[in-house]
C-alpha cells in the first residue's frame, strides 16, 4: 500500500462549502475577498473563482439553508487556505479586511509562509496566505524543512499595501 505517491504537480482543485445563506456568502467571498462569480445554479449554489477558472470555491445551501454553523468541536473542515501569489497581495487583502472592520482570528509567520486567519459568515475557517520562496524555508540541523508559528509582522506586511 505504501508504494504510491501522489504526483508532485497534483494540487487541490477546489473546495465546496455548505453555507446557510448564499447571498451572504457571495457578499463575503466576492464582495470582500474579491473572487469572481462564475455561475449561479438557481438560488441554491454559486461557483466563484480567481482569474476566470471555472471555480475555486463552490457554495451551496442544498442541505444547510438557514442552518446554524456546525459546532466548533465537530469533525469537518478546519479551514480553506487561499494562496496569494505575492506578499504584497496578502498585504492588500489584510488592509481591505481592516478597512472593512472584518474580524481577524489570527495572524502567523510559519517560516514557510505568512498567514491571516478569519471565519466566513458561517464560521468556516479561512486562511489567507503567501508562501516564501523555497530557498528561504527554514531548515533544521539535518537540512530538513521545518515550520513554526510566530507572531506575524503586521506592520511590516501592511507597509507593502501602500
C-alpha atoms as a PDB file:
ATOM      1  CA  UNK A   1       0.000   0.000   0.000  1.00  0.00           C
ATOM      2  CA  UNK A   2       2.912   2.410   0.595  1.00  0.00           C
ATOM      3  CA  UNK A   3       4.292   2.139  -2.935  1.00  0.00           C
ATOM      4  CA  UNK A   4       2.238   5.037  -4.313  1.00  0.00           C
ATOM      5  CA  UNK A   5       2.946   8.758  -4.004  1.00  0.00           C
ATOM      6  CA  UNK A   6       0.666  11.437  -5.375  1.00  0.00           C
ATOM      7  CA  UNK A   7       2.319  13.077  -8.421  1.00  0.00           C
ATOM      8  CA  UNK A   8       4.341  16.173  -7.495  1.00  0.00           C
ATOM      9  CA  UNK A   9       2.292  18.511  -9.702  1.00  0.00           C
ATOM     10  CA  UNK A  10      -1.038  17.461  -8.163  1.00  0.00           C
ATOM     11  CA  UNK A  11      -2.954  20.218  -6.402  1.00  0.00           C
ATOM     12  CA  UNK A  12      -6.222  20.783  -4.619  1.00  0.00           C
ATOM     13  CA  UNK A  13      -8.560  21.981  -7.355  1.00  0.00           C
ATOM     14  CA  UNK A  14     -11.468  23.485  -5.424  1.00  0.00           C
ATOM     15  CA  UNK A  15     -13.429  23.408  -2.219  1.00  0.00           C
ATOM     16  CA  UNK A  16     -17.211  23.194  -1.995  1.00  0.00           C
ATOM     17  CA  UNK A  17     -18.767  24.669   1.133  1.00  0.00           C
ATOM     18  CA  UNK A  18     -22.189  24.211   2.664  1.00  0.00           C
ATOM     19  CA  UNK A  19     -23.496  27.648   3.630  1.00  0.00           C
ATOM     20  CA  UNK A  20     -26.707  28.845   5.259  1.00  0.00           C
ATOM     21  CA  UNK A  21     -27.273  31.988   3.170  1.00  0.00           C
ATOM     22  CA  UNK A  22     -25.953  32.058  -0.398  1.00  0.00           C
ATOM     23  CA  UNK A  23     -26.074  35.829  -0.864  1.00  0.00           C
ATOM     24  CA  UNK A  24     -24.334  36.484   2.459  1.00  0.00           C
ATOM     25  CA  UNK A  25     -21.556  34.104   1.414  1.00  0.00           C
ATOM     26  CA  UNK A  26     -21.272  35.767  -2.008  1.00  0.00           C
ATOM     27  CA  UNK A  27     -21.009  39.135  -0.275  1.00  0.00           C
ATOM     28  CA  UNK A  28     -18.079  37.771   1.752  1.00  0.00           C
ATOM     29  CA  UNK A  29     -16.205  35.763  -0.883  1.00  0.00           C
ATOM     30  CA  UNK A  30     -16.879  38.058  -3.865  1.00  0.00           C
ATOM     31  CA  UNK A  31     -17.651  41.413  -2.266  1.00  0.00           C
ATOM     32  CA  UNK A  32     -14.936  41.384   0.406  1.00  0.00           C
ATOM     33  CA  UNK A  33     -12.307  38.865  -0.720  1.00  0.00           C
ATOM     34  CA  UNK A  34     -12.661  39.714  -4.411  1.00  0.00           C
ATOM     35  CA  UNK A  35     -13.499  36.365  -6.022  1.00  0.00           C
ATOM     36  CA  UNK A  36     -15.412  36.474  -9.324  1.00  0.00           C
ATOM     37  CA  UNK A  37     -18.871  34.947  -9.628  1.00  0.00           C
ATOM     38  CA  UNK A  38     -18.617  32.460 -12.492  1.00  0.00           C
ATOM     39  CA  UNK A  39     -22.085  30.927 -12.328  1.00  0.00           C
ATOM     40  CA  UNK A  40     -25.147  30.597 -10.133  1.00  0.00           C
ATOM     41  CA  UNK A  41     -27.101  27.363 -10.020  1.00  0.00           C
ATOM     42  CA  UNK A  42     -30.529  28.774  -9.315  1.00  0.00           C
ATOM     43  CA  UNK A  43     -30.812  30.266  -5.844  1.00  0.00           C
ATOM     44  CA  UNK A  44     -29.060  27.363  -4.125  1.00  0.00           C
ATOM     45  CA  UNK A  45     -25.473  27.302  -5.397  1.00  0.00           C
ATOM     46  CA  UNK A  46     -22.755  29.508  -6.837  1.00  0.00           C
ATOM     47  CA  UNK A  47     -19.319  28.899  -8.272  1.00  0.00           C
ATOM     48  CA  UNK A  48     -16.615  31.521  -7.788  1.00  0.00           C
ATOM     49  CA  UNK A  49     -13.047  31.876  -8.972  1.00  0.00           C
ATOM     50  CA  UNK A  50      -9.860  33.849  -9.180  1.00  0.00           C
ATOM     51  CA  UNK A  51      -8.720  34.665 -12.695  1.00  0.00           C
ATOM     52  CA  UNK A  52     -11.570  33.085 -14.647  1.00  0.00           C
ATOM     53  CA  UNK A  53     -11.037  29.428 -13.664  1.00  0.00           C
ATOM     54  CA  UNK A  54     -14.358  27.539 -13.699  1.00  0.00           C
ATOM     55  CA  UNK A  55     -14.390  27.576  -9.897  1.00  0.00           C
ATOM     56  CA  UNK A  56     -12.070  27.548  -6.940  1.00  0.00           C
ATOM     57  CA  UNK A  57     -14.908  27.663  -4.430  1.00  0.00           C
ATOM     58  CA  UNK A  58     -18.395  26.210  -4.682  1.00  0.00           C
ATOM     59  CA  UNK A  59     -21.055  27.464  -2.275  1.00  0.00           C
ATOM     60  CA  UNK A  60     -24.370  25.712  -1.750  1.00  0.00           C
ATOM     61  CA  UNK A  61     -27.403  25.654   0.525  1.00  0.00           C
ATOM     62  CA  UNK A  62     -28.635  22.200  -0.594  1.00  0.00           C
ATOM     63  CA  UNK A  63     -28.556  20.753   2.940  1.00  0.00           C
ATOM     64  CA  UNK A  64     -27.743  23.812   5.002  1.00  0.00           C
ATOM     65  CA  UNK A  65     -30.117  26.699   4.158  1.00  0.00           C
ATOM     66  CA  UNK A  66     -30.818  28.810   7.240  1.00  0.00           C
ATOM     67  CA  UNK A  67     -28.975  26.339   9.500  1.00  0.00           C
ATOM     68  CA  UNK A  68     -26.617  27.367  12.312  1.00  0.00           C
ATOM     69  CA  UNK A  69     -22.860  26.823  11.974  1.00  0.00           C
ATOM     70  CA  UNK A  70     -21.501  23.369  12.764  1.00  0.00           C
ATOM     71  CA  UNK A  71     -20.212  23.036  16.331  1.00  0.00           C
ATOM     72  CA  UNK A  72     -16.546  24.000  16.624  1.00  0.00           C
ATOM     73  CA  UNK A  73     -15.699  20.609  18.121  1.00  0.00           C
ATOM     74  CA  UNK A  74     -17.428  18.571  15.389  1.00  0.00           C
ATOM     75  CA  UNK A  75     -15.357  16.785  12.735  1.00  0.00           C
ATOM     76  CA  UNK A  76     -15.091  18.658   9.449  1.00  0.00           C
ATOM     77  CA  UNK A  77     -13.032  21.150   7.533  1.00  0.00           C
ATOM     78  CA  UNK A  78     -10.704  23.202   9.757  1.00  0.00           C
ATOM     79  CA  UNK A  79     -10.127  25.908   7.161  1.00  0.00           C
ATOM     80  CA  UNK A  80      -9.880  26.639   3.474  1.00  0.00           C
ATOM     81  CA  UNK A  81      -6.482  28.093   2.584  1.00  0.00           C
ATOM     82  CA  UNK A  82      -6.292  30.686  -0.182  1.00  0.00           C
ATOM     83  CA  UNK A  83      -2.765  31.110  -1.553  1.00  0.00           C
ATOM     84  CA  UNK A  84      -1.833  34.589  -2.785  1.00  0.00           C
ATOM     85  CA  UNK A  85       0.936  34.870  -5.394  1.00  0.00           C
ATOM     86  CA  UNK A  86       2.954  37.626  -3.692  1.00  0.00           C
ATOM     87  CA  UNK A  87       3.446  39.033  -0.208  1.00  0.00           C
ATOM     88  CA  UNK A  88       2.086  42.378  -1.417  1.00  0.00           C
ATOM     89  CA  UNK A  89      -1.190  40.659  -2.389  1.00  0.00           C
ATOM     90  CA  UNK A  90      -1.539  39.373   1.174  1.00  0.00           C
ATOM     91  CA  UNK A  91      -0.849  42.893   2.447  1.00  0.00           C
ATOM     92  CA  UNK A  92      -3.568  44.338   0.216  1.00  0.00           C
ATOM     93  CA  UNK A  93      -6.232  41.869   1.363  1.00  0.00           C
ATOM     94  CA  UNK A  94      -5.218  42.391   5.003  1.00  0.00           C
ATOM     95  CA  UNK A  95      -5.675  46.150   4.587  1.00  0.00           C
ATOM     96  CA  UNK A  96      -9.040  45.508   2.914  1.00  0.00           C
ATOM     97  CA  UNK A  97     -10.158  43.390   5.896  1.00  0.00           C
ATOM     98  CA  UNK A  98      -9.007  46.067   8.330  1.00  0.00           C
ATOM     99  CA  UNK A  99     -10.786  48.804   6.365  1.00  0.00           C
ATOM    100  CA  UNK A 100     -13.997  46.712   6.378  1.00  0.00           C
ATOM    101  CA  UNK A 101     -13.548  46.086  10.131  1.00  0.00           C
ATOM    102  CA  UNK A 102     -13.870  42.372   9.416  1.00  0.00           C
ATOM    103  CA  UNK A 103     -12.819  40.250  12.428  1.00  0.00           C
ATOM    104  CA  UNK A 104      -9.460  38.537  12.085  1.00  0.00           C
ATOM    105  CA  UNK A 105      -8.957  35.496  14.321  1.00  0.00           C
ATOM    106  CA  UNK A 106      -5.189  35.165  13.924  1.00  0.00           C
ATOM    107  CA  UNK A 107      -2.035  36.133  12.075  1.00  0.00           C
ATOM    108  CA  UNK A 108       1.082  33.950  11.979  1.00  0.00           C
ATOM    109  CA  UNK A 109       4.523  33.607  10.463  1.00  0.00           C
ATOM    110  CA  UNK A 110       5.113  29.894   9.836  1.00  0.00           C
ATOM    111  CA  UNK A 111       8.591  30.273   8.360  1.00  0.00           C
ATOM    112  CA  UNK A 112       7.491  28.779   5.052  1.00  0.00           C
ATOM    113  CA  UNK A 113       4.540  31.172   4.820  1.00  0.00           C
ATOM    114  CA  UNK A 114       2.765  34.128   6.362  1.00  0.00           C
ATOM    115  CA  UNK A 115      -0.940  33.772   7.111  1.00  0.00           C
ATOM    116  CA  UNK A 116      -4.033  35.701   8.143  1.00  0.00           C
ATOM    117  CA  UNK A 117      -6.910  33.720   9.704  1.00  0.00           C
ATOM    118  CA  UNK A 118     -10.607  34.578   9.804  1.00  0.00           C
ATOM    119  CA  UNK A 119     -14.019  32.936   9.650  1.00  0.00           C
ATOM    120  CA  UNK A 120     -16.541  33.296   6.859  1.00  0.00           C
ATOM    121  CA  UNK A 121     -20.151  34.200   7.777  1.00  0.00           C
ATOM    122  CA  UNK A 122     -20.924  30.511   8.502  1.00  0.00           C
ATOM    123  CA  UNK A 123     -17.855  30.186  10.742  1.00  0.00           C
ATOM    124  CA  UNK A 124     -15.942  28.143   8.161  1.00  0.00           C
ATOM    125  CA  UNK A 125     -12.270  28.850   8.798  1.00  0.00           C
ATOM    126  CA  UNK A 126     -10.393  30.757   6.092  1.00  0.00           C
ATOM    127  CA  UNK A 127      -6.617  31.127   5.841  1.00  0.00           C
ATOM    128  CA  UNK A 128      -5.228  33.798   3.524  1.00  0.00           C
ATOM    129  CA  UNK A 129      -1.509  33.258   2.958  1.00  0.00           C
ATOM    130  CA  UNK A 130       1.529  33.516   0.725  1.00  0.00           C
ATOM    131  CA  UNK A 131       4.458  31.125   0.543  1.00  0.00           C
ATOM    132  CA  UNK A 132       8.019  32.309   0.873  1.00  0.00           C
ATOM    133  CA  UNK A 133      10.286  31.080  -1.923  1.00  0.00           C
ATOM    134  CA  UNK A 134      11.513  27.550  -1.126  1.00  0.00           C
ATOM    135  CA  UNK A 135      15.123  28.669  -0.775  1.00  0.00           C
ATOM    136  CA  UNK A 136      14.062  30.716   2.271  1.00  0.00           C
ATOM    137  CA  UNK A 137      12.130  27.950   4.037  1.00  0.00           C
ATOM    138  CA  UNK A 138      13.630  27.239   7.473  1.00  0.00           C
ATOM    139  CA  UNK A 139      15.611  24.045   7.867  1.00  0.00           C
ATOM    140  CA  UNK A 140      16.649  22.077  10.921  1.00  0.00           C
ATOM    141  CA  UNK A 141      20.199  20.875  11.691  1.00  0.00           C
ATOM    142  CA  UNK A 142      19.735  17.944   9.268  1.00  0.00           C
ATOM    143  CA  UNK A 143      18.691  20.253   6.435  1.00  0.00           C
ATOM    144  CA  UNK A 144      15.047  19.157   6.578  1.00  0.00           C
ATOM    145  CA  UNK A 145      12.287  21.736   6.197  1.00  0.00           C
ATOM    146  CA  UNK A 146      10.750  22.829   9.457  1.00  0.00           C
ATOM    147  CA  UNK A 147       7.815  25.059  10.310  1.00  0.00           C
ATOM    148  CA  UNK A 148       6.926  27.122  13.341  1.00  0.00           C
ATOM    149  CA  UNK A 149       4.269  29.544  14.494  1.00  0.00           C
ATOM    150  CA  UNK A 150       5.414  33.026  15.437  1.00  0.00           C
ATOM    151  CA  UNK A 151       3.652  36.377  15.539  1.00  0.00           C
ATOM    152  CA  UNK A 152       3.237  37.910  12.104  1.00  0.00           C
ATOM    153  CA  UNK A 153       4.921  41.259  11.482  1.00  0.00           C
ATOM    154  CA  UNK A 154       1.634  43.024  10.709  1.00  0.00           C
ATOM    155  CA  UNK A 155       3.202  46.487  10.401  1.00  0.00           C
ATOM    156  CA  UNK A 156       5.884  45.237   8.012  1.00  0.00           C
ATOM    157  CA  UNK A 157       3.263  43.457   5.936  1.00  0.00           C
ATOM    158  CA  UNK A 158       0.895  46.433   5.825  1.00  0.00           C
ATOM    159  CA  UNK A 159       3.729  48.696   4.656  1.00  0.00           C
ATOM    160  CA  UNK A 160       3.537  46.802   1.351  1.00  0.00           C
ATOM    161  CA  UNK A 161      -0.159  47.665   0.897  1.00  0.00           C
ATOM    162  CA  UNK A 162       0.560  51.357   0.343  1.00  0.00           C
END
